Amino acid sequence: LLQLPFLLDLFKECKKLGIHTTIDSSGGCYSTAPLFQ
């Protein structure tokens, strides 16, 4: 989750191929800041 823009582009491409997507996270960088949300 420290690299959300990268994750977004990657998962968009995965979904074009019908690939199941999973994130393994501790939630350690979770924030209520507007941009992060």
Full PDB file with SEQRES, HELIX, SHEET, SSBOND, CRYST1, ORIGX, SCALE, CONECT and MASTER records, all heavy atoms in Angstrom:
SEQRES   1 A   37  LEU LEU GLN LEU PRO PHE LEU LEU ASP LEU PHE LYS GLU          
SEQRES   2 A   37  CYS LYS LYS LEU GLY ILE HIS THR THR ILE ASP SER SER          
SEQRES   3 A   37  GLY GLY CYS TYR SER THR ALA PRO LEU PHE GLN                  
HELIX    1 AA1 LEU A    4  LYS A   16  1                                  13    
CRYST1    1.000    1.000    1.000  90.00  90.00  90.00 P 1           1          
ORIGX1      1.000000  0.000000  0.000000        0.00000                         
ORIGX2      0.000000  1.000000  0.000000        0.00000                         
ORIGX3      0.000000  0.000000  1.000000        0.00000                         
SCALE1      1.000000  0.000000  0.000000        0.00000                         
SCALE2      0.000000  1.000000  0.000000        0.00000                         
SCALE3      0.000000  0.000000  1.000000        0.00000                         
ATOM      1  N   LEU A   1       0.810  -1.217   0.000  1.00  0.00           N  
ATOM      2  CA  LEU A   1       0.000   0.000   0.000  1.00  0.00           C  
ATOM      3  C   LEU A   1       0.847   1.272   0.000  1.00  0.00           C  
ATOM      4  O   LEU A   1       0.316   2.378  -0.157  1.00  0.00           O  
ATOM      5  CB  LEU A   1      -0.957   0.013   1.200  1.00  0.00           C  
ATOM      6  CG  LEU A   1      -1.959  -1.142   1.272  1.00  0.00           C  
ATOM      7  CD1 LEU A   1      -2.945  -0.922   2.406  1.00  0.00           C  
ATOM      8  CD2 LEU A   1      -2.696  -1.325  -0.045  1.00  0.00           C  
ATOM      9  N   LEU A   2       2.150   1.138   0.145  1.00  0.00           N  
ATOM     10  CA  LEU A   2       3.045   2.291  -0.007  1.00  0.00           C  
ATOM     11  C   LEU A   2       3.203   2.687  -1.477  1.00  0.00           C  
ATOM     12  O   LEU A   2       3.715   3.767  -1.770  1.00  0.00           O  
ATOM     13  CB  LEU A   2       4.425   1.982   0.585  1.00  0.00           C  
ATOM     14  CG  LEU A   2       4.520   1.939   2.110  1.00  0.00           C  
ATOM     15  CD1 LEU A   2       5.888   1.426   2.547  1.00  0.00           C  
ATOM     16  CD2 LEU A   2       4.257   3.319   2.716  1.00  0.00           C  
ATOM     17  N   GLN A   3       2.747   1.819  -2.393  1.00  0.00           N  
ATOM     18  CA  GLN A   3       2.900   2.079  -3.826  1.00  0.00           C  
ATOM     19  C   GLN A   3       1.547   1.947  -4.535  1.00  0.00           C  
ATOM     20  O   GLN A   3       1.384   1.161  -5.469  1.00  0.00           O  
ATOM     21  CB  GLN A   3       3.928   1.120  -4.431  1.00  0.00           C  
ATOM     22  CG  GLN A   3       5.298   1.204  -3.769  1.00  0.00           C  
ATOM     23  CD  GLN A   3       6.347   0.362  -4.484  1.00  0.00           C  
ATOM     24  OE1 GLN A   3       6.559   0.477  -5.684  1.00  0.00           O  
ATOM     25  NE2 GLN A   3       7.020  -0.480  -3.725  1.00  0.00           N  
ATOM     26  N   LEU A   4       0.580   2.727  -4.096  1.00  0.00           N  
ATOM     27  CA  LEU A   4      -0.780   2.615  -4.613  1.00  0.00           C  
ATOM     28  C   LEU A   4      -0.908   2.924  -6.111  1.00  0.00           C  
ATOM     29  O   LEU A   4      -1.630   2.205  -6.819  1.00  0.00           O  
ATOM     30  CB  LEU A   4      -1.725   3.498  -3.794  1.00  0.00           C  
ATOM     31  CG  LEU A   4      -2.060   2.976  -2.390  1.00  0.00           C  
ATOM     32  CD1 LEU A   4      -2.804   4.034  -1.588  1.00  0.00           C  
ATOM     33  CD2 LEU A   4      -2.878   1.692  -2.471  1.00  0.00           C  
ATOM     34  N   PRO A   5      -0.262   3.955  -6.636  1.00  0.00           N  
ATOM     35  CA  PRO A   5      -0.378   4.205  -8.086  1.00  0.00           C  
ATOM     36  C   PRO A   5       0.123   3.031  -8.928  1.00  0.00           C  
ATOM     37  O   PRO A   5      -0.485   2.683  -9.944  1.00  0.00           O  
ATOM     38  CB  PRO A   5       0.468   5.464  -8.298  1.00  0.00           C  
ATOM     39  CG  PRO A   5       0.436   6.162  -6.969  1.00  0.00           C  
ATOM     40  CD  PRO A   5       0.466   5.052  -5.967  1.00  0.00           C  
ATOM     41  N   PHE A   6       1.220   2.426  -8.488  1.00  0.00           N  
ATOM     42  CA  PHE A   6       1.741   1.247  -9.176  1.00  0.00           C  
ATOM     43  C   PHE A   6       0.751   0.091  -9.081  1.00  0.00           C  
ATOM     44  O   PHE A   6       0.473  -0.592 -10.071  1.00  0.00           O  
ATOM     45  CB  PHE A   6       3.088   0.852  -8.573  1.00  0.00           C  
ATOM     46  CG  PHE A   6       3.547  -0.531  -8.954  1.00  0.00           C  
ATOM     47  CD1 PHE A   6       4.041  -0.786 -10.225  1.00  0.00           C  
ATOM     48  CD2 PHE A   6       3.478  -1.583  -8.040  1.00  0.00           C  
ATOM     49  CE1 PHE A   6       4.453  -2.072 -10.581  1.00  0.00           C  
ATOM     50  CE2 PHE A   6       3.885  -2.859  -8.392  1.00  0.00           C  
ATOM     51  CZ  PHE A   6       4.376  -3.100  -9.669  1.00  0.00           C  
ATOM     52  N   LEU A   7       0.208  -0.133  -7.886  1.00  0.00           N  
ATOM     53  CA  LEU A   7      -0.774  -1.201  -7.689  1.00  0.00           C  
ATOM     54  C   LEU A   7      -1.979  -1.014  -8.601  1.00  0.00           C  
ATOM     55  O   LEU A   7      -2.488  -1.976  -9.185  1.00  0.00           O  
ATOM     56  CB  LEU A   7      -1.253  -1.208  -6.236  1.00  0.00           C  
ATOM     57  CG  LEU A   7      -0.632  -2.179  -5.249  1.00  0.00           C  
ATOM     58  CD1 LEU A   7      -1.358  -2.080  -3.911  1.00  0.00           C  
ATOM     59  CD2 LEU A   7      -0.653  -3.598  -5.759  1.00  0.00           C  
ATOM     60  N   LEU A   8      -2.440   0.209  -8.720  1.00  0.00           N  
ATOM     61  CA  LEU A   8      -3.612   0.487  -9.548  1.00  0.00           C  
ATOM     62  C   LEU A   8      -3.352   0.115 -10.997  1.00  0.00           C  
ATOM     63  O   LEU A   8      -4.167  -0.586 -11.620  1.00  0.00           O  
ATOM     64  CB  LEU A   8      -3.991   1.964  -9.431  1.00  0.00           C  
ATOM     65  CG  LEU A   8      -5.173   2.406 -10.290  1.00  0.00           C  
ATOM     66  CD1 LEU A   8      -6.431   1.651  -9.925  1.00  0.00           C  
ATOM     67  CD2 LEU A   8      -5.394   3.921 -10.154  1.00  0.00           C  
ATOM     68  N   ASP A   9      -2.241   0.560 -11.533  1.00  0.00           N  
ATOM     69  CA  ASP A   9      -1.931   0.245 -12.938  1.00  0.00           C  
ATOM     70  C   ASP A   9      -1.759  -1.250 -13.138  1.00  0.00           C  
ATOM     71  O   ASP A   9      -2.223  -1.819 -14.130  1.00  0.00           O  
ATOM     72  CB  ASP A   9      -0.657   0.976 -13.368  1.00  0.00           C  
ATOM     73  CG  ASP A   9      -0.910   2.424 -13.751  1.00  0.00           C  
ATOM     74  OD1 ASP A   9      -2.052   2.889 -13.535  1.00  0.00           O  
ATOM     75  OD2 ASP A   9       0.012   3.090 -14.248  1.00  0.00           O  
ATOM     76  N   LEU A  10      -1.093  -1.908 -12.189  1.00  0.00           N  
ATOM     77  CA  LEU A  10      -0.856  -3.347 -12.295  1.00  0.00           C  
ATOM     78  C   LEU A  10      -2.171  -4.119 -12.278  1.00  0.00           C  
ATOM     79  O   LEU A  10      -2.413  -4.992 -13.117  1.00  0.00           O  
ATOM     80  CB  LEU A  10       0.038  -3.810 -11.152  1.00  0.00           C  
ATOM     81  CG  LEU A  10       0.277  -5.319 -11.058  1.00  0.00           C  
ATOM     82  CD1 LEU A  10       1.066  -5.817 -12.262  1.00  0.00           C  
ATOM     83  CD2 LEU A  10       1.003  -5.675  -9.760  1.00  0.00           C  
ATOM     84  N   PHE A  11      -3.032  -3.800 -11.318  1.00  0.00           N  
ATOM     85  CA  PHE A  11      -4.282  -4.543 -11.183  1.00  0.00           C  
ATOM     86  C   PHE A  11      -5.249  -4.266 -12.331  1.00  0.00           C  
ATOM     87  O   PHE A  11      -6.025  -5.141 -12.715  1.00  0.00           O  
ATOM     88  CB  PHE A  11      -4.932  -4.242  -9.832  1.00  0.00           C  
ATOM     89  CG  PHE A  11      -4.337  -5.023  -8.684  1.00  0.00           C  
ATOM     90  CD1 PHE A  11      -3.183  -5.776  -8.846  1.00  0.00           C  
ATOM     91  CD2 PHE A  11      -4.945  -5.013  -7.431  1.00  0.00           C  
ATOM     92  CE1 PHE A  11      -2.630  -6.496  -7.790  1.00  0.00           C  
ATOM     93  CE2 PHE A  11      -4.414  -5.742  -6.367  1.00  0.00           C  
ATOM     94  CZ  PHE A  11      -3.261  -6.484  -6.557  1.00  0.00           C  
ATOM     95  N   LYS A  12      -5.202  -3.076 -12.874  1.00  0.00           N  
ATOM     96  CA  LYS A  12      -6.025  -2.786 -14.057  1.00  0.00           C  
ATOM     97  C   LYS A  12      -5.637  -3.712 -15.204  1.00  0.00           C  
ATOM     98  O   LYS A  12      -6.502  -4.258 -15.908  1.00  0.00           O  
ATOM     99  CB  LYS A  12      -5.863  -1.328 -14.483  1.00  0.00           C  
ATOM    100  CG  LYS A  12      -6.671  -0.337 -13.680  1.00  0.00           C  
ATOM    101  CD  LYS A  12      -6.492   1.069 -14.236  1.00  0.00           C  
ATOM    102  CE  LYS A  12      -7.389   2.074 -13.536  1.00  0.00           C  
ATOM    103  NZ  LYS A  12      -7.209   3.448 -14.068  1.00  0.00           N  
ATOM    104  N   GLU A  13      -4.326  -3.891 -15.396  1.00  0.00           N  
ATOM    105  CA  GLU A  13      -3.849  -4.768 -16.464  1.00  0.00           C  
ATOM    106  C   GLU A  13      -4.189  -6.229 -16.157  1.00  0.00           C  
ATOM    107  O   GLU A  13      -4.529  -6.995 -17.060  1.00  0.00           O  
ATOM    108  CB  GLU A  13      -2.334  -4.597 -16.656  1.00  0.00           C  
ATOM    109  CG  GLU A  13      -1.926  -3.234 -17.185  1.00  0.00           C  
ATOM    110  CD  GLU A  13      -2.614  -2.902 -18.505  1.00  0.00           C  
ATOM    111  OE1 GLU A  13      -2.635  -3.764 -19.414  1.00  0.00           O  
ATOM    112  OE2 GLU A  13      -3.158  -1.784 -18.620  1.00  0.00           O  
ATOM    113  N   CYS A  14      -4.098  -6.605 -14.888  1.00  0.00           N  
ATOM    114  CA  CYS A  14      -4.465  -7.971 -14.504  1.00  0.00           C  
ATOM    115  C   CYS A  14      -5.929  -8.245 -14.817  1.00  0.00           C  
ATOM    116  O   CYS A  14      -6.278  -9.330 -15.317  1.00  0.00           O  
ATOM    117  CB  CYS A  14      -4.205  -8.183 -13.013  1.00  0.00           C  
ATOM    118  SG  CYS A  14      -2.466  -8.334 -12.562  1.00  0.00           S  
ATOM    119  N   LYS A  15      -6.780  -7.283 -14.530  1.00  0.00           N  
ATOM    120  CA  LYS A  15      -8.211  -7.486 -14.755  1.00  0.00           C  
ATOM    121  C   LYS A  15      -8.548  -7.579 -16.236  1.00  0.00           C  
ATOM    122  O   LYS A  15      -9.508  -8.256 -16.626  1.00  0.00           O  
ATOM    123  CB  LYS A  15      -9.017  -6.370 -14.076  1.00  0.00           C  
ATOM    124  CG  LYS A  15      -9.107  -6.543 -12.572  1.00  0.00           C  
ATOM    125  CD  LYS A  15      -9.673  -7.917 -12.256  1.00  0.00           C  
ATOM    126  CE  LYS A  15      -9.540  -8.334 -10.834  1.00  0.00           C  
ATOM    127  NZ  LYS A  15      -9.865  -9.754 -10.635  1.00  0.00           N  
ATOM    128  N   LYS A  16      -7.761  -6.934 -17.079  1.00  0.00           N  
ATOM    129  CA  LYS A  16      -7.944  -7.068 -18.521  1.00  0.00           C  
ATOM    130  C   LYS A  16      -7.722  -8.511 -18.963  1.00  0.00           C  
ATOM    131  O   LYS A  16      -8.309  -8.969 -19.944  1.00  0.00           O  
ATOM    132  CB  LYS A  16      -6.985  -6.151 -19.273  1.00  0.00           C  
ATOM    133  CG  LYS A  16      -7.315  -4.674 -19.171  1.00  0.00           C  
ATOM    134  CD  LYS A  16      -6.285  -3.837 -19.917  1.00  0.00           C  
ATOM    135  CE  LYS A  16      -6.553  -2.347 -19.742  1.00  0.00           C  
ATOM    136  NZ  LYS A  16      -5.516  -1.525 -20.426  1.00  0.00           N  
ATOM    137  N   LEU A  17      -6.891  -9.226 -18.198  1.00  0.00           N  
ATOM    138  CA  LEU A  17      -6.582 -10.625 -18.507  1.00  0.00           C  
ATOM    139  C   LEU A  17      -7.421 -11.594 -17.669  1.00  0.00           C  
ATOM    140  O   LEU A  17      -7.241 -12.805 -17.753  1.00  0.00           O  
ATOM    141  CB  LEU A  17      -5.089 -10.895 -18.263  1.00  0.00           C  
ATOM    142  CG  LEU A  17      -4.113 -10.092 -19.129  1.00  0.00           C  
ATOM    143  CD1 LEU A  17      -2.676 -10.290 -18.642  1.00  0.00           C  
ATOM    144  CD2 LEU A  17      -4.228 -10.505 -20.588  1.00  0.00           C  
ATOM    145  N   GLY A  18      -8.313 -11.056 -16.847  1.00  0.00           N  
ATOM    146  CA  GLY A  18      -9.173 -11.897 -16.018  1.00  0.00           C  
ATOM    147  C   GLY A  18      -8.453 -12.562 -14.857  1.00  0.00           C  
ATOM    148  O   GLY A  18      -8.853 -13.638 -14.408  1.00  0.00           O  
ATOM    149  N   ILE A  19      -7.393 -11.925 -14.352  1.00  0.00           N  
ATOM    150  CA  ILE A  19      -6.565 -12.518 -13.298  1.00  0.00           C  
ATOM    151  C   ILE A  19      -7.051 -12.096 -11.919  1.00  0.00           C  
ATOM    152  O   ILE A  19      -7.296 -10.914 -11.662  1.00  0.00           O  
ATOM    153  CB  ILE A  19      -5.084 -12.105 -13.479  1.00  0.00           C  
ATOM    154  CG1 ILE A  19      -4.557 -12.597 -14.828  1.00  0.00           C  
ATOM    155  CG2 ILE A  19      -4.228 -12.646 -12.339  1.00  0.00           C  
ATOM    156  CD1 ILE A  19      -3.179 -12.058 -15.171  1.00  0.00           C  
ATOM    157  N   HIS A  20      -7.189 -13.068 -11.018  1.00  0.00           N  
ATOM    158  CA  HIS A  20      -7.564 -12.825  -9.628  1.00  0.00           C  
ATOM    159  C   HIS A  20      -6.448 -12.043  -8.935  1.00  0.00           C  
ATOM    160  O   HIS A  20      -5.266 -12.374  -9.055  1.00  0.00           O  
ATOM    161  CB  HIS A  20      -7.787 -14.169  -8.915  1.00  0.00           C  
ATOM    162  CG  HIS A  20      -8.232 -14.061  -7.501  1.00  0.00           C  
ATOM    163  ND1 HIS A  20      -7.352 -13.867  -6.457  1.00  0.00           N  
ATOM    164  CD2 HIS A  20      -9.474 -14.137  -6.935  1.00  0.00           C  
ATOM    165  CE1 HIS A  20      -8.023 -13.829  -5.319  1.00  0.00           C  
ATOM    166  NE2 HIS A  20      -9.317 -13.998  -5.576  1.00  0.00           N  
ATOM    167  N   THR A  21      -6.821 -10.979  -8.196  1.00  0.00           N  
ATOM    168  CA  THR A  21      -5.832 -10.085  -7.585  1.00  0.00           C  
ATOM    169  C   THR A  21      -5.932 -10.090  -6.070  1.00  0.00           C  
ATOM    170  O   THR A  21      -7.029 -10.010  -5.503  1.00  0.00           O  
ATOM    171  CB  THR A  21      -6.022  -8.646  -8.092  1.00  0.00           C  
ATOM    172  OG1 THR A  21      -7.387  -8.258  -7.883  1.00  0.00           O  
ATOM    173  CG2 THR A  21      -5.687  -8.545  -9.575  1.00  0.00           C  
ATOM    174  N   THR A  22      -4.779 -10.154  -5.413  1.00  0.00           N  
ATOM    175  CA  THR A  22      -4.713 -10.193  -3.951  1.00  0.00           C  
ATOM    176  C   THR A  22      -3.629  -9.253  -3.455  1.00  0.00           C  
ATOM    177  O   THR A  22      -2.555  -9.158  -4.059  1.00  0.00           O  
ATOM    178  CB  THR A  22      -4.411 -11.620  -3.459  1.00  0.00           C  
ATOM    179  OG1 THR A  22      -5.499 -12.476  -3.809  1.00  0.00           O  
ATOM    180  CG2 THR A  22      -4.212 -11.672  -1.952  1.00  0.00           C  
ATOM    181  N   ILE A  23      -3.913  -8.573  -2.354  1.00  0.00           N  
ATOM    182  CA  ILE A  23      -2.918  -7.745  -1.664  1.00  0.00           C  
ATOM    183  C   ILE A  23      -2.668  -8.353  -0.291  1.00  0.00           C  
ATOM    184  O   ILE A  23      -3.607  -8.637   0.452  1.00  0.00           O  
ATOM    185  CB  ILE A  23      -3.396  -6.297  -1.483  1.00  0.00           C  
ATOM    186  CG1 ILE A  23      -3.633  -5.626  -2.839  1.00  0.00           C  
ATOM    187  CG2 ILE A  23      -2.387  -5.487  -0.664  1.00  0.00           C  
ATOM    188  CD1 ILE A  23      -4.310  -4.260  -2.739  1.00  0.00           C  
ATOM    189  N   ASP A  24      -1.406  -8.556   0.043  1.00  0.00           N  
ATOM    190  CA  ASP A  24      -1.018  -9.008   1.380  1.00  0.00           C  
ATOM    191  C   ASP A  24      -0.498  -7.787   2.131  1.00  0.00           C  
ATOM    192  O   ASP A  24       0.548  -7.242   1.784  1.00  0.00           O  
ATOM    193  CB  ASP A  24       0.065 -10.085   1.265  1.00  0.00           C  
ATOM    194  CG  ASP A  24       0.513 -10.599   2.625  1.00  0.00           C  
ATOM    195  OD1 ASP A  24      -0.097 -10.235   3.645  1.00  0.00           O  
ATOM    196  OD2 ASP A  24       1.476 -11.387   2.667  1.00  0.00           O  
ATOM    197  N   SER A  25      -1.230  -7.338   3.152  1.00  0.00           N  
ATOM    198  CA  SER A  25      -0.914  -6.067   3.812  1.00  0.00           C  
ATOM    199  C   SER A  25      -1.044  -6.165   5.321  1.00  0.00           C  
ATOM    200  O   SER A  25      -1.905  -6.877   5.846  1.00  0.00           O  
ATOM    201  CB  SER A  25      -1.860  -4.974   3.297  1.00  0.00           C  
ATOM    202  OG  SER A  25      -1.680  -3.767   4.020  1.00  0.00           O  
ATOM    203  N   SER A  26      -0.212  -5.400   6.010  1.00  0.00           N  
ATOM    204  CA  SER A  26      -0.349  -5.249   7.453  1.00  0.00           C  
ATOM    205  C   SER A  26      -1.228  -4.053   7.789  1.00  0.00           C  
ATOM    206  O   SER A  26      -1.594  -3.857   8.953  1.00  0.00           O  
ATOM    207  CB  SER A  26       1.027  -5.034   8.096  1.00  0.00           C  
ATOM    208  OG  SER A  26       1.534  -3.755   7.742  1.00  0.00           O  
ATOM    209  N   GLY A  27      -1.530  -3.226   6.777  1.00  0.00           N  
ATOM    210  CA  GLY A  27      -2.260  -1.988   7.036  1.00  0.00           C  
ATOM    211  C   GLY A  27      -1.421  -0.946   7.745  1.00  0.00           C  
ATOM    212  O   GLY A  27      -1.941   0.060   8.222  1.00  0.00           O  
ATOM    213  N   GLY A  28      -0.117  -1.170   7.796  1.00  0.00           N  
ATOM    214  CA  GLY A  28       0.769  -0.291   8.559  1.00  0.00           C  
ATOM    215  C   GLY A  28       0.859   1.130   8.066  1.00  0.00           C  
ATOM    216  O   GLY A  28       1.252   2.020   8.814  1.00  0.00           O  
ATOM    217  N   CYS A  29       0.502   1.363   6.801  1.00  0.00           N  
ATOM    218  CA  CYS A  29       0.561   2.730   6.276  1.00  0.00           C  
ATOM    219  C   CYS A  29      -0.834   3.289   6.011  1.00  0.00           C  
ATOM    220  O   CYS A  29      -0.978   4.329   5.355  1.00  0.00           O  
ATOM    221  CB  CYS A  29       1.414   2.792   5.015  1.00  0.00           C  
ATOM    222  SG  CYS A  29       0.699   1.928   3.592  1.00  0.00           S  
ATOM    223  N   TYR A  30      -1.867   2.605   6.514  1.00  0.00           N  
ATOM    224  CA  TYR A  30      -3.234   3.074   6.284  1.00  0.00           C  
ATOM    225  C   TYR A  30      -3.422   4.476   6.865  1.00  0.00           C  
ATOM    226  O   TYR A  30      -2.947   4.783   7.956  1.00  0.00           O  
ATOM    227  CB  TYR A  30      -4.244   2.124   6.925  1.00  0.00           C  
ATOM    228  CG  TYR A  30      -5.672   2.577   6.760  1.00  0.00           C  
ATOM    229  CD1 TYR A  30      -6.298   2.511   5.520  1.00  0.00           C  
ATOM    230  CD2 TYR A  30      -6.379   3.107   7.838  1.00  0.00           C  
ATOM    231  CE1 TYR A  30      -7.610   2.939   5.362  1.00  0.00           C  
ATOM    232  CE2 TYR A  30      -7.698   3.536   7.685  1.00  0.00           C  
ATOM    233  CZ  TYR A  30      -8.301   3.454   6.443  1.00  0.00           C  
ATOM    234  OH  TYR A  30      -9.599   3.883   6.280  1.00  0.00           O  
ATOM    235  N   SER A  31      -4.119   5.310   6.117  1.00  0.00           N  
ATOM    236  CA  SER A  31      -4.318   6.698   6.516  1.00  0.00           C  
ATOM    237  C   SER A  31      -5.692   7.173   6.068  1.00  0.00           C  
ATOM    238  O   SER A  31      -6.228   6.695   5.066  1.00  0.00           O  
ATOM    239  CB  SER A  31      -3.229   7.576   5.869  1.00  0.00           C  
ATOM    240  OG  SER A  31      -3.521   8.950   6.024  1.00  0.00           O  
ATOM    241  N   THR A  32      -6.238   8.109   6.830  1.00  0.00           N  
ATOM    242  CA  THR A  32      -7.507   8.728   6.434  1.00  0.00           C  
ATOM    243  C   THR A  32      -7.279   9.990   5.620  1.00  0.00           C  
ATOM    244  O   THR A  32      -8.239  10.699   5.291  1.00  0.00           O  
ATOM    245  CB  THR A  32      -8.349   9.067   7.676  1.00  0.00           C  
ATOM    246  OG1 THR A  32      -7.584   9.907   8.557  1.00  0.00           O  
ATOM    247  CG2 THR A  32      -8.770   7.801   8.411  1.00  0.00           C  
ATOM    248  N   ALA A  33      -6.025  10.283   5.286  1.00  0.00           N  
ATOM    249  CA  ALA A  33      -5.729  11.448   4.445  1.00  0.00           C  
ATOM    250  C   ALA A  33      -6.473  11.319   3.113  1.00  0.00           C  
ATOM    251  O   ALA A  33      -6.532  10.224   2.536  1.00  0.00           O  
ATOM    252  CB  ALA A  33      -4.231  11.559   4.204  1.00  0.00           C  
ATOM    253  N   PRO A  34      -7.060  12.402   2.606  1.00  0.00           N  
ATOM    254  CA  PRO A  34      -7.890  12.338   1.391  1.00  0.00           C  
ATOM    255  C   PRO A  34      -7.214  11.680   0.197  1.00  0.00           C  
ATOM    256  O   PRO A  34      -7.836  10.871  -0.496  1.00  0.00           O  
ATOM    257  CB  PRO A  34      -8.223  13.805   1.118  1.00  0.00           C  
ATOM    258  CG  PRO A  34      -8.190  14.459   2.471  1.00  0.00           C  
ATOM    259  CD  PRO A  34      -7.087  13.757   3.205  1.00  0.00           C  
ATOM    260  N   LEU A  35      -5.949  12.021  -0.058  1.00  0.00           N  
ATOM    261  CA  LEU A  35      -5.270  11.455  -1.221  1.00  0.00           C  
ATOM    262  C   LEU A  35      -5.094   9.953  -1.074  1.00  0.00           C  
ATOM    263  O   LEU A  35      -5.335   9.192  -2.019  1.00  0.00           O  
ATOM    264  CB  LEU A  35      -3.905  12.124  -1.435  1.00  0.00           C  
ATOM    265  CG  LEU A  35      -3.085  11.580  -2.622  1.00  0.00           C  
ATOM    266  CD1 LEU A  35      -3.848  11.727  -3.939  1.00  0.00           C  
ATOM    267  CD2 LEU A  35      -1.723  12.274  -2.702  1.00  0.00           C  
ATOM    268  N   PHE A  36      -4.687   9.497   0.117  1.00  0.00           N  
ATOM    269  CA  PHE A  36      -4.526   8.064   0.348  1.00  0.00           C  
ATOM    270  C   PHE A  36      -5.862   7.354   0.179  1.00  0.00           C  
ATOM    271  O   PHE A  36      -5.946   6.302  -0.469  1.00  0.00           O  
ATOM    272  CB  PHE A  36      -3.961   7.795   1.746  1.00  0.00           C  
ATOM    273  CG  PHE A  36      -3.665   6.346   2.018  1.00  0.00           C  
ATOM    274  CD1 PHE A  36      -2.422   5.814   1.725  1.00  0.00           C  
ATOM    275  CD2 PHE A  36      -4.639   5.506   2.554  1.00  0.00           C  
ATOM    276  CE1 PHE A  36      -2.139   4.469   1.956  1.00  0.00           C  
ATOM    277  CE2 PHE A  36      -4.378   4.164   2.793  1.00  0.00           C  
ATOM    278  CZ  PHE A  36      -3.120   3.647   2.492  1.00  0.00           C  
ATOM    279  N   GLN A  37      -6.925   7.912   0.747  1.00  0.00           N  
ATOM    280  CA  GLN A  37      -8.245   7.299   0.642  1.00  0.00           C  
ATOM    281  C   GLN A  37      -8.707   7.213  -0.814  1.00  0.00           C  
ATOM    282  O   GLN A  37      -9.255   6.194  -1.243  1.00  0.00           O  
ATOM    283  CB  GLN A  37      -9.256   8.106   1.463  1.00  0.00           C  
ATOM    284  CG  GLN A  37      -9.116   7.936   2.964  1.00  0.00           C  
ATOM    285  CD  GLN A  37      -9.636   6.591   3.447  1.00  0.00           C  
ATOM    286  OE1 GLN A  37     -10.720   6.161   3.084  1.00  0.00           O  
ATOM    287  NE2 GLN A  37      -8.852   5.911   4.270  1.00  0.00           N  
TER     288      GLN A  37                                                      
MASTER        0    0    0    1    0    0    0    6  287    1    0    3          
END                                                                             
